[in-house]
């Protein structure tokens, strides 16, 4: 398994939640999708972790993210890596 980790600055939390209503079905419908979590942190940042069954599927999500435009968040980092443990 591989995961895509995205770190953001949340510019407008209400708008970010509204954007997620459209984003979540797109991500969950992506080839190789396993699970995903979006987390709002108290300092005005956020992190998402989306897990895929293969490196190719994770890299496809990275490519899709690079072409996306978010209105309510500023993307700081997008990276894919191998899942080395889970519970």
C-alpha atoms as a PDB file:
ATOM      1  CA  UNK A   1       0.000   0.000   0.000  1.00  0.00           C
ATOM      2  CA  UNK A   2       0.983   3.604  -0.608  1.00  0.00           C
ATOM      3  CA  UNK A   3      -0.377   6.834   0.857  1.00  0.00           C
ATOM      4  CA  UNK A   4      -0.686  10.368  -0.420  1.00  0.00           C
ATOM      5  CA  UNK A   5      -0.124  12.965   2.300  1.00  0.00           C
ATOM      6  CA  UNK A   6      -1.239  16.532   1.695  1.00  0.00           C
ATOM      7  CA  UNK A   7      -0.491  19.388   4.094  1.00  0.00           C
ATOM      8  CA  UNK A   8      -2.497  22.597   3.757  1.00  0.00           C
ATOM      9  CA  UNK A   9      -3.134  25.940   5.364  1.00  0.00           C
ATOM     10  CA  UNK A  10      -6.864  26.316   5.883  1.00  0.00           C
ATOM     11  CA  UNK A  11      -7.918  29.753   4.699  1.00  0.00           C
ATOM     12  CA  UNK A  12     -11.671  29.302   5.373  1.00  0.00           C
ATOM     13  CA  UNK A  13     -12.807  26.231   7.347  1.00  0.00           C
ATOM     14  CA  UNK A  14     -16.477  26.462   6.334  1.00  0.00           C
ATOM     15  CA  UNK A  15     -15.553  26.728   2.664  1.00  0.00           C
ATOM     16  CA  UNK A  16     -13.032  23.882   3.033  1.00  0.00           C
ATOM     17  CA  UNK A  17     -15.781  21.634   4.409  1.00  0.00           C
ATOM     18  CA  UNK A  18     -17.988  22.554   1.457  1.00  0.00           C
ATOM     19  CA  UNK A  19     -15.182  21.750  -1.001  1.00  0.00           C
ATOM     20  CA  UNK A  20     -14.701  18.370   0.679  1.00  0.00           C
ATOM     21  CA  UNK A  21     -18.311  17.464  -0.124  1.00  0.00           C
ATOM     22  CA  UNK A  22     -17.258  17.401  -3.782  1.00  0.00           C
ATOM     23  CA  UNK A  23     -13.703  16.125  -3.273  1.00  0.00           C
ATOM     24  CA  UNK A  24     -14.400  13.087  -1.084  1.00  0.00           C
ATOM     25  CA  UNK A  25     -16.452  11.198  -3.721  1.00  0.00           C
ATOM     26  CA  UNK A  26     -13.768  11.903  -6.346  1.00  0.00           C
ATOM     27  CA  UNK A  27     -11.000  10.529  -4.137  1.00  0.00           C
ATOM     28  CA  UNK A  28     -12.984   7.517  -2.940  1.00  0.00           C
ATOM     29  CA  UNK A  29     -13.837   6.676  -6.547  1.00  0.00           C
ATOM     30  CA  UNK A  30     -10.212   6.764  -7.688  1.00  0.00           C
ATOM     31  CA  UNK A  31      -8.632   3.495  -8.851  1.00  0.00           C
ATOM     32  CA  UNK A  32      -6.967   1.602  -6.025  1.00  0.00           C
ATOM     33  CA  UNK A  33      -8.585   3.670  -3.257  1.00  0.00           C
ATOM     34  CA  UNK A  34      -8.488   2.045   0.204  1.00  0.00           C
ATOM     35  CA  UNK A  35      -9.273   4.790   2.770  1.00  0.00           C
ATOM     36  CA  UNK A  36      -8.774   8.497   3.432  1.00  0.00           C
ATOM     37  CA  UNK A  37      -8.900  10.993   6.279  1.00  0.00           C
ATOM     38  CA  UNK A  38      -8.976  14.768   6.273  1.00  0.00           C
ATOM     39  CA  UNK A  39      -7.916  16.474   9.501  1.00  0.00           C
ATOM     40  CA  UNK A  40      -8.339  20.106  10.568  1.00  0.00           C
ATOM     41  CA  UNK A  41      -5.727  21.064  13.152  1.00  0.00           C
ATOM     42  CA  UNK A  42      -6.150  23.828  15.767  1.00  0.00           C
ATOM     43  CA  UNK A  43      -3.378  25.989  14.307  1.00  0.00           C
ATOM     44  CA  UNK A  44      -5.226  26.660  11.039  1.00  0.00           C
ATOM     45  CA  UNK A  45      -3.515  23.896   9.113  1.00  0.00           C
ATOM     46  CA  UNK A  46      -4.765  20.560   7.903  1.00  0.00           C
ATOM     47  CA  UNK A  47      -3.531  17.219   6.687  1.00  0.00           C
ATOM     48  CA  UNK A  48      -5.080  14.541   4.552  1.00  0.00           C
ATOM     49  CA  UNK A  49      -3.928  10.979   4.156  1.00  0.00           C
ATOM     50  CA  UNK A  50      -5.332   8.867   1.342  1.00  0.00           C
ATOM     51  CA  UNK A  51      -4.284   5.230   1.107  1.00  0.00           C
ATOM     52  CA  UNK A  52      -4.142   3.312  -2.169  1.00  0.00           C
ATOM     53  CA  UNK A  53      -3.429  -0.314  -3.022  1.00  0.00           C
ATOM     54  CA  UNK A  54      -0.421   0.483  -5.212  1.00  0.00           C
ATOM     55  CA  UNK A  55       2.269   3.046  -5.853  1.00  0.00           C
ATOM     56  CA  UNK A  56       0.851   3.683  -9.327  1.00  0.00           C
ATOM     57  CA  UNK A  57      -2.571   4.573  -7.884  1.00  0.00           C
ATOM     58  CA  UNK A  58      -0.991   6.862  -5.287  1.00  0.00           C
ATOM     59  CA  UNK A  59       1.115   8.609  -7.930  1.00  0.00           C
ATOM     60  CA  UNK A  60      -1.993   9.088 -10.080  1.00  0.00           C
ATOM     61  CA  UNK A  61      -3.620  10.877  -7.129  1.00  0.00           C
ATOM     62  CA  UNK A  62      -0.531  13.065  -6.704  1.00  0.00           C
ATOM     63  CA  UNK A  63      -0.798  14.029 -10.378  1.00  0.00           C
ATOM     64  CA  UNK A  64      -4.508  14.781  -9.996  1.00  0.00           C
ATOM     65  CA  UNK A  65      -3.799  16.944  -6.948  1.00  0.00           C
ATOM     66  CA  UNK A  66      -1.189  18.985  -8.794  1.00  0.00           C
ATOM     67  CA  UNK A  67      -3.796  20.012 -11.353  1.00  0.00           C
ATOM     68  CA  UNK A  68      -6.463  20.823  -8.755  1.00  0.00           C
ATOM     69  CA  UNK A  69      -7.389  24.272  -7.532  1.00  0.00           C
ATOM     70  CA  UNK A  70      -8.596  24.660  -3.989  1.00  0.00           C
ATOM     71  CA  UNK A  71     -10.346  27.865  -3.009  1.00  0.00           C
ATOM     72  CA  UNK A  72     -10.478  27.402   0.763  1.00  0.00           C
ATOM     73  CA  UNK A  73      -7.009  25.989   1.406  1.00  0.00           C
ATOM     74  CA  UNK A  74      -3.441  26.637   0.336  1.00  0.00           C
ATOM     75  CA  UNK A  75      -1.590  23.434  -0.476  1.00  0.00           C
ATOM     76  CA  UNK A  76       1.838  23.377   1.176  1.00  0.00           C
ATOM     77  CA  UNK A  77       3.019  19.852   0.349  1.00  0.00           C
ATOM     78  CA  UNK A  78       1.909  16.790  -1.572  1.00  0.00           C
ATOM     79  CA  UNK A  79       3.901  13.579  -1.246  1.00  0.00           C
ATOM     80  CA  UNK A  80       3.386   9.853  -1.765  1.00  0.00           C
ATOM     81  CA  UNK A  81       5.110   7.124   0.177  1.00  0.00           C
ATOM     82  CA  UNK A  82       4.938   3.483   1.096  1.00  0.00           C
ATOM     83  CA  UNK A  83       2.751   2.525   4.054  1.00  0.00           C
ATOM     84  CA  UNK A  84       5.104   0.606   6.325  1.00  0.00           C
ATOM     85  CA  UNK A  85       2.623  -0.158   9.138  1.00  0.00           C
ATOM     86  CA  UNK A  86      -1.050   0.261   9.964  1.00  0.00           C
ATOM     87  CA  UNK A  87      -3.505  -0.772  12.649  1.00  0.00           C
END
